[in-house]
Amino acid sequence: MNLAARLAALPLLLAASPAWACTLCHSRVGAAVRAAVLGPDVLSNCAALIAPVPALLIAAWAARRYLL
């Protein structure tokens, strides 16, 4: 049996096992991160996350146009 056939069955084996919850999400650290990210400056946080997207798209477009 080759590696691809073995790996194809892996999701089926993992789906049958019980799911484990993330313990970080229910801790004080998780609560602090949620408060910092989703706090009163949520719009500036979203803008900071989205800001590099146009530059990355332009770089990908230029690489595809001029290098390929």
PDB file of N, CA and C in Angstrom:
ATOM      1  N   MET A   1       0.846  -1.172   0.000  1.00  0.00           N
ATOM      2  CA  MET A   1       0.000   0.000   0.000  1.00  0.00           C
ATOM      3  C   MET A   1       0.896   1.242   0.000  1.00  0.00           C
ATOM      4  N   ASN A   2       0.632   2.174  -0.884  1.00  0.00           N
ATOM      5  CA  ASN A   2       1.490   3.355  -0.954  1.00  0.00           C
ATOM      6  C   ASN A   2       1.067   4.407   0.080  1.00  0.00           C
ATOM      7  N   LEU A   3       1.869   5.440   0.185  1.00  0.00           N
ATOM      8  CA  LEU A   3       1.666   6.451   1.214  1.00  0.00           C
ATOM      9  C   LEU A   3       0.369   7.227   0.999  1.00  0.00           C
ATOM     10  N   ALA A   4       0.017   7.509  -0.243  1.00  0.00           N
ATOM     11  CA  ALA A   4      -1.203   8.268  -0.516  1.00  0.00           C
ATOM     12  C   ALA A   4      -2.437   7.501  -0.065  1.00  0.00           C
ATOM     13  N   ALA A   5      -2.459   6.209  -0.264  1.00  0.00           N
ATOM     14  CA  ALA A   5      -3.605   5.411   0.168  1.00  0.00           C
ATOM     15  C   ALA A   5      -3.696   5.363   1.689  1.00  0.00           C
ATOM     16  N   ARG A   6      -2.552   5.333   2.355  1.00  0.00           N
ATOM     17  CA  ARG A   6      -2.568   5.334   3.820  1.00  0.00           C
ATOM     18  C   ARG A   6      -3.058   6.673   4.369  1.00  0.00           C
ATOM     19  N   LEU A   7      -2.599   7.756   3.759  1.00  0.00           N
ATOM     20  CA  LEU A   7      -3.003   9.072   4.235  1.00  0.00           C
ATOM     21  C   LEU A   7      -4.450   9.389   3.896  1.00  0.00           C
ATOM     22  N   ALA A   8      -5.006   8.748   2.866  1.00  0.00           N
ATOM     23  CA  ALA A   8      -6.398   8.999   2.499  1.00  0.00           C
ATOM     24  C   ALA A   8      -7.336   8.498   3.585  1.00  0.00           C
ATOM     25  N   ALA A   9      -6.960   7.467   4.306  1.00  0.00           N
ATOM     26  CA  ALA A   9      -7.813   6.930   5.356  1.00  0.00           C
ATOM     27  C   ALA A   9      -7.662   7.684   6.676  1.00  0.00           C
ATOM     28  N   LEU A  10      -6.668   8.537   6.806  1.00  0.00           N
ATOM     29  CA  LEU A  10      -6.413   9.242   8.052  1.00  0.00           C
ATOM     30  C   LEU A  10      -7.585  10.117   8.504  1.00  0.00           C
ATOM     31  N   PRO A  11      -8.211  10.912   7.628  1.00  0.00           N
ATOM     32  CA  PRO A  11      -9.356  11.712   8.101  1.00  0.00           C
ATOM     33  C   PRO A  11     -10.504  10.848   8.628  1.00  0.00           C
ATOM     34  N   LEU A  12     -10.703   9.691   8.055  1.00  0.00           N
ATOM     35  CA  LEU A  12     -11.765   8.823   8.546  1.00  0.00           C
ATOM     36  C   LEU A  12     -11.467   8.323   9.951  1.00  0.00           C
ATOM     37  N   LEU A  13     -10.208   8.035  10.217  1.00  0.00           N
ATOM     38  CA  LEU A  13      -9.839   7.580  11.550  1.00  0.00           C
ATOM     39  C   LEU A  13      -9.948   8.706  12.568  1.00  0.00           C
ATOM     40  N   LEU A  14      -9.566   9.909  12.177  1.00  0.00           N
ATOM     41  CA  LEU A  14      -9.620  11.034  13.101  1.00  0.00           C
ATOM     42  C   LEU A  14     -11.048  11.516  13.332  1.00  0.00           C
ATOM     43  N   ALA A  15     -11.903  11.364  12.351  1.00  0.00           N
ATOM     44  CA  ALA A  15     -13.290  11.798  12.502  1.00  0.00           C
ATOM     45  C   ALA A  15     -14.033  10.918  13.500  1.00  0.00           C
ATOM     46  N   ALA A  16     -13.620   9.681  13.653  1.00  0.00           N
ATOM     47  CA  ALA A  16     -14.300   8.786  14.568  1.00  0.00           C
ATOM     48  C   ALA A  16     -13.892   9.024  16.016  1.00  0.00           C
ATOM     49  N   SER A  17     -12.761   9.697  16.245  1.00  0.00           N
ATOM     50  CA  SER A  17     -12.313   9.931  17.616  1.00  0.00           C
ATOM     51  C   SER A  17     -13.033  11.139  18.202  1.00  0.00           C
ATOM     52  N   PRO A  18     -13.147  11.195  19.517  1.00  0.00           N
ATOM     53  CA  PRO A  18     -13.820  12.348  20.129  1.00  0.00           C
ATOM     54  C   PRO A  18     -12.984  13.612  19.952  1.00  0.00           C
ATOM     55  N   ALA A  19     -13.660  14.723  19.794  1.00  0.00           N
ATOM     56  CA  ALA A  19     -12.965  16.002  19.612  1.00  0.00           C
ATOM     57  C   ALA A  19     -12.483  16.517  20.958  1.00  0.00           C
ATOM     58  N   TRP A  20     -11.308  17.107  20.953  1.00  0.00           N
ATOM     59  CA  TRP A  20     -10.751  17.682  22.166  1.00  0.00           C
ATOM     60  C   TRP A  20     -10.876  19.191  22.069  1.00  0.00           C
ATOM     61  N   ALA A  21     -11.416  19.808  23.094  1.00  0.00           N
ATOM     62  CA  ALA A  21     -11.579  21.258  23.110  1.00  0.00           C
ATOM     63  C   ALA A  21     -10.246  21.927  23.408  1.00  0.00           C
ATOM     64  N   CYS A  22     -10.086  23.091  22.882  1.00  0.00           N
ATOM     65  CA  CYS A  22      -8.871  23.874  23.124  1.00  0.00           C
ATOM     66  C   CYS A  22      -8.917  24.429  24.547  1.00  0.00           C
ATOM     67  N   THR A  23      -7.965  24.060  25.358  1.00  0.00           N
ATOM     68  CA  THR A  23      -7.962  24.548  26.734  1.00  0.00           C
ATOM     69  C   THR A  23      -7.517  25.997  26.815  1.00  0.00           C
ATOM     70  N   LEU A  24      -6.794  26.483  25.807  1.00  0.00           N
ATOM     71  CA  LEU A  24      -6.363  27.877  25.806  1.00  0.00           C
ATOM     72  C   LEU A  24      -7.559  28.814  25.662  1.00  0.00           C
ATOM     73  N   CYS A  25      -8.573  28.384  24.934  1.00  0.00           N
ATOM     74  CA  CYS A  25      -9.739  29.237  24.698  1.00  0.00           C
ATOM     75  C   CYS A  25     -10.509  29.511  25.985  1.00  0.00           C
ATOM     76  N   HIS A  26     -10.430  28.631  26.951  1.00  0.00           N
ATOM     77  CA  HIS A  26     -11.190  28.772  28.183  1.00  0.00           C
ATOM     78  C   HIS A  26     -10.308  29.194  29.350  1.00  0.00           C
ATOM     79  N   SER A  27      -9.190  29.821  29.064  1.00  0.00           N
ATOM     80  CA  SER A  27      -8.264  30.248  30.112  1.00  0.00           C
ATOM     81  C   SER A  27      -8.272  31.769  30.231  1.00  0.00           C
ATOM     82  N   ARG A  28      -7.533  32.270  31.208  1.00  0.00           N
ATOM     83  CA  ARG A  28      -7.418  33.718  31.368  1.00  0.00           C
ATOM     84  C   ARG A  28      -6.679  34.341  30.185  1.00  0.00           C
ATOM     85  N   VAL A  29      -5.706  33.615  29.634  1.00  0.00           N
ATOM     86  CA  VAL A  29      -4.963  34.122  28.477  1.00  0.00           C
ATOM     87  C   VAL A  29      -5.891  34.277  27.275  1.00  0.00           C
ATOM     88  N   GLY A  30      -6.730  33.276  27.042  1.00  0.00           N
ATOM     89  CA  GLY A  30      -7.682  33.347  25.933  1.00  0.00           C
ATOM     90  C   GLY A  30      -8.645  34.507  26.092  1.00  0.00           C
ATOM     91  N   ALA A  31      -9.115  34.718  27.320  1.00  0.00           N
ATOM     92  CA  ALA A  31     -10.024  35.839  27.574  1.00  0.00           C
ATOM     93  C   ALA A  31      -9.317  37.172  27.346  1.00  0.00           C
ATOM     94  N   ALA A  32      -8.054  37.269  27.737  1.00  0.00           N
ATOM     95  CA  ALA A  32      -7.303  38.508  27.535  1.00  0.00           C
ATOM     96  C   ALA A  32      -7.062  38.777  26.054  1.00  0.00           C
ATOM     97  N   VAL A  33      -6.777  37.733  25.292  1.00  0.00           N
ATOM     98  CA  VAL A  33      -6.564  37.905  23.852  1.00  0.00           C
ATOM     99  C   VAL A  33      -7.864  38.333  23.169  1.00  0.00           C
ATOM    100  N   ARG A  34      -8.967  37.694  23.519  1.00  0.00           N
ATOM    101  CA  ARG A  34     -10.261  38.093  22.941  1.00  0.00           C
ATOM    102  C   ARG A  34     -10.592  39.539  23.286  1.00  0.00           C
ATOM    103  N   ALA A  35     -10.320  39.939  24.524  1.00  0.00           N
ATOM    104  CA  ALA A  35     -10.596  41.318  24.931  1.00  0.00           C
ATOM    105  C   ALA A  35      -9.716  42.306  24.170  1.00  0.00           C
ATOM    106  N   ALA A  36      -8.459  41.930  23.915  1.00  0.00           N
ATOM    107  CA  ALA A  36      -7.559  42.829  23.195  1.00  0.00           C
ATOM    108  C   ALA A  36      -7.920  42.931  21.721  1.00  0.00           C
ATOM    109  N   VAL A  37      -8.288  41.801  21.110  1.00  0.00           N
ATOM    110  CA  VAL A  37      -8.580  41.803  19.674  1.00  0.00           C
ATOM    111  C   VAL A  37      -9.969  42.353  19.397  1.00  0.00           C
ATOM    112  N   LEU A  38     -10.943  41.952  20.184  1.00  0.00           N
ATOM    113  CA  LEU A  38     -12.329  42.353  19.944  1.00  0.00           C
ATOM    114  C   LEU A  38     -12.766  43.473  20.867  1.00  0.00           C
ATOM    115  N   GLY A  39     -11.833  44.261  21.347  1.00  0.00           N
ATOM    116  CA  GLY A  39     -12.128  45.354  22.255  1.00  0.00           C
ATOM    117  C   GLY A  39     -12.700  46.551  21.521  1.00  0.00           C
ATOM    118  N   PRO A  40     -12.572  47.718  22.134  1.00  0.00           N
ATOM    119  CA  PRO A  40     -13.153  48.923  21.537  1.00  0.00           C
ATOM    120  C   PRO A  40     -12.494  49.350  20.220  1.00  0.00           C
ATOM    121  N   ASP A  41     -11.271  48.922  19.960  1.00  0.00           N
ATOM    122  CA  ASP A  41     -10.598  49.290  18.715  1.00  0.00           C
ATOM    123  C   ASP A  41     -10.608  48.149  17.701  1.00  0.00           C
ATOM    124  N   VAL A  42     -11.729  47.453  17.610  1.00  0.00           N
ATOM    125  CA  VAL A  42     -11.834  46.300  16.715  1.00  0.00           C
ATOM    126  C   VAL A  42     -11.704  46.715  15.248  1.00  0.00           C
ATOM    127  N   LEU A  43     -12.187  47.895  14.899  1.00  0.00           N
ATOM    128  CA  LEU A  43     -12.090  48.336  13.506  1.00  0.00           C
ATOM    129  C   LEU A  43     -10.641  48.604  13.105  1.00  0.00           C
ATOM    130  N   SER A  44      -9.850  49.185  14.010  1.00  0.00           N
ATOM    131  CA  SER A  44      -8.443  49.409  13.672  1.00  0.00           C
ATOM    132  C   SER A  44      -7.679  48.089  13.623  1.00  0.00           C
ATOM    133  N   ASN A  45      -8.067  47.120  14.448  1.00  0.00           N
ATOM    134  CA  ASN A  45      -7.442  45.797  14.377  1.00  0.00           C
ATOM    135  C   ASN A  45      -7.756  45.127  13.042  1.00  0.00           C
ATOM    136  N   CYS A  46      -9.009  45.215  12.596  1.00  0.00           N
ATOM    137  CA  CYS A  46      -9.380  44.634  11.299  1.00  0.00           C
ATOM    138  C   CYS A  46      -8.658  45.352  10.162  1.00  0.00           C
ATOM    139  N   ALA A  47      -8.538  46.670  10.255  1.00  0.00           N
ATOM    140  CA  ALA A  47      -7.829  47.428   9.223  1.00  0.00           C
ATOM    141  C   ALA A  47      -6.355  47.039   9.170  1.00  0.00           C
ATOM    142  N   ALA A  48      -5.759  46.808  10.334  1.00  0.00           N
ATOM    143  CA  ALA A  48      -4.353  46.405  10.365  1.00  0.00           C
ATOM    144  C   ALA A  48      -4.170  45.012   9.771  1.00  0.00           C
ATOM    145  N   LEU A  49      -5.161  44.146   9.940  1.00  0.00           N
ATOM    146  CA  LEU A  49      -5.066  42.811   9.352  1.00  0.00           C
ATOM    147  C   LEU A  49      -5.278  42.829   7.845  1.00  0.00           C
ATOM    148  N   ILE A  50      -6.131  43.715   7.370  1.00  0.00           N
ATOM    149  CA  ILE A  50      -6.478  43.756   5.946  1.00  0.00           C
ATOM    150  C   ILE A  50      -5.508  44.639   5.150  1.00  0.00           C
ATOM    151  N   ALA A  51      -4.793  45.538   5.811  1.00  0.00           N
ATOM    152  CA  ALA A  51      -3.930  46.508   5.124  1.00  0.00           C
ATOM    153  C   ALA A  51      -2.907  45.874   4.182  1.00  0.00           C
ATOM    154  N   PRO A  52      -2.226  44.777   4.513  1.00  0.00           N
ATOM    155  CA  PRO A  52      -1.222  44.235   3.592  1.00  0.00           C
ATOM    156  C   PRO A  52      -1.803  43.480   2.407  1.00  0.00           C
ATOM    157  N   VAL A  53      -3.088  43.215   2.388  1.00  0.00           N
ATOM    158  CA  VAL A  53      -3.680  42.403   1.318  1.00  0.00           C
ATOM    159  C   VAL A  53      -3.507  43.044  -0.058  1.00  0.00           C
ATOM    160  N   PRO A  54      -3.792  44.338  -0.255  1.00  0.00           N
ATOM    161  CA  PRO A  54      -3.568  44.913  -1.591  1.00  0.00           C
ATOM    162  C   PRO A  54      -2.118  44.824  -2.052  1.00  0.00           C
ATOM    163  N   ALA A  55      -1.178  45.047  -1.142  1.00  0.00           N
ATOM    164  CA  ALA A  55       0.237  44.956  -1.526  1.00  0.00           C
ATOM    165  C   ALA A  55       0.602  43.529  -1.922  1.00  0.00           C
ATOM    166  N   LEU A  56       0.080  42.555  -1.206  1.00  0.00           N
ATOM    167  CA  LEU A  56       0.354  41.162  -1.560  1.00  0.00           C
ATOM    168  C   LEU A  56      -0.278  40.791  -2.894  1.00  0.00           C
ATOM    169  N   LEU A  57      -1.480  41.282  -3.157  1.00  0.00           N
ATOM    170  CA  LEU A  57      -2.126  41.006  -4.439  1.00  0.00           C
ATOM    171  C   LEU A  57      -1.360  41.647  -5.597  1.00  0.00           C
ATOM    172  N   ILE A  58      -0.890  42.864  -5.397  1.00  0.00           N
ATOM    173  CA  ILE A  58      -0.107  43.532  -6.444  1.00  0.00           C
ATOM    174  C   ILE A  58       1.208  42.792  -6.679  1.00  0.00           C
ATOM    175  N   ALA A  59       1.842  42.339  -5.605  1.00  0.00           N
ATOM    176  CA  ALA A  59       3.095  41.596  -5.757  1.00  0.00           C
ATOM    177  C   ALA A  59       2.861  40.270  -6.479  1.00  0.00           C
ATOM    178  N   ALA A  60       1.774  39.584  -6.167  1.00  0.00           N
ATOM    179  CA  ALA A  60       1.468  38.327  -6.852  1.00  0.00           C
ATOM    180  C   ALA A  60       1.141  38.572  -8.314  1.00  0.00           C
ATOM    181  N   TRP A  61       0.396  39.648  -8.593  1.00  0.00           N
ATOM    182  CA  TRP A  61       0.063  39.979  -9.980  1.00  0.00           C
ATOM    183  C   TRP A  61       1.330  40.308 -10.762  1.00  0.00           C
ATOM    184  N   ALA A  62       2.232  41.104 -10.175  1.00  0.00           N
ATOM    185  CA  ALA A  62       3.461  41.481 -10.862  1.00  0.00           C
ATOM    186  C   ALA A  62       4.367  40.272 -11.078  1.00  0.00           C
ATOM    187  N   ALA A  63       4.437  39.405 -10.091  1.00  0.00           N
ATOM    188  CA  ALA A  63       5.258  38.205 -10.254  1.00  0.00           C
ATOM    189  C   ALA A  63       4.709  37.310 -11.359  1.00  0.00           C
ATOM    190  N   ARG A  64       3.402  37.177 -11.410  1.00  0.00           N
ATOM    191  CA  ARG A  64       2.808  36.340 -12.449  1.00  0.00           C
ATOM    192  C   ARG A  64       2.979  36.958 -13.830  1.00  0.00           C
ATOM    193  N   ARG A  65       2.823  38.271 -13.901  1.00  0.00           N
ATOM    194  CA  ARG A  65       2.903  38.947 -15.211  1.00  0.00           C
ATOM    195  C   ARG A  65       4.341  39.012 -15.735  1.00  0.00           C
ATOM    196  N   TYR A  66       5.292  39.342 -14.871  1.00  0.00           N
ATOM    197  CA  TYR A  66       6.635  39.616 -15.340  1.00  0.00           C
ATOM    198  C   TYR A  66       7.604  38.434 -15.180  1.00  0.00           C
ATOM    199  N   LEU A  67       7.262  37.467 -14.361  1.00  0.00           N
ATOM    200  CA  LEU A  67       8.180  36.360 -14.148  1.00  0.00           C
ATOM    201  C   LEU A  67       7.737  35.072 -14.847  1.00  0.00           C
ATOM    202  N   LEU A  68       6.479  34.960 -15.160  1.00  0.00           N
ATOM    203  CA  LEU A  68       6.008  33.740 -15.812  1.00  0.00           C
ATOM    204  C   LEU A  68       5.806  33.904 -17.286  1.00  0.00           C
TER     205      LEU A  68
END
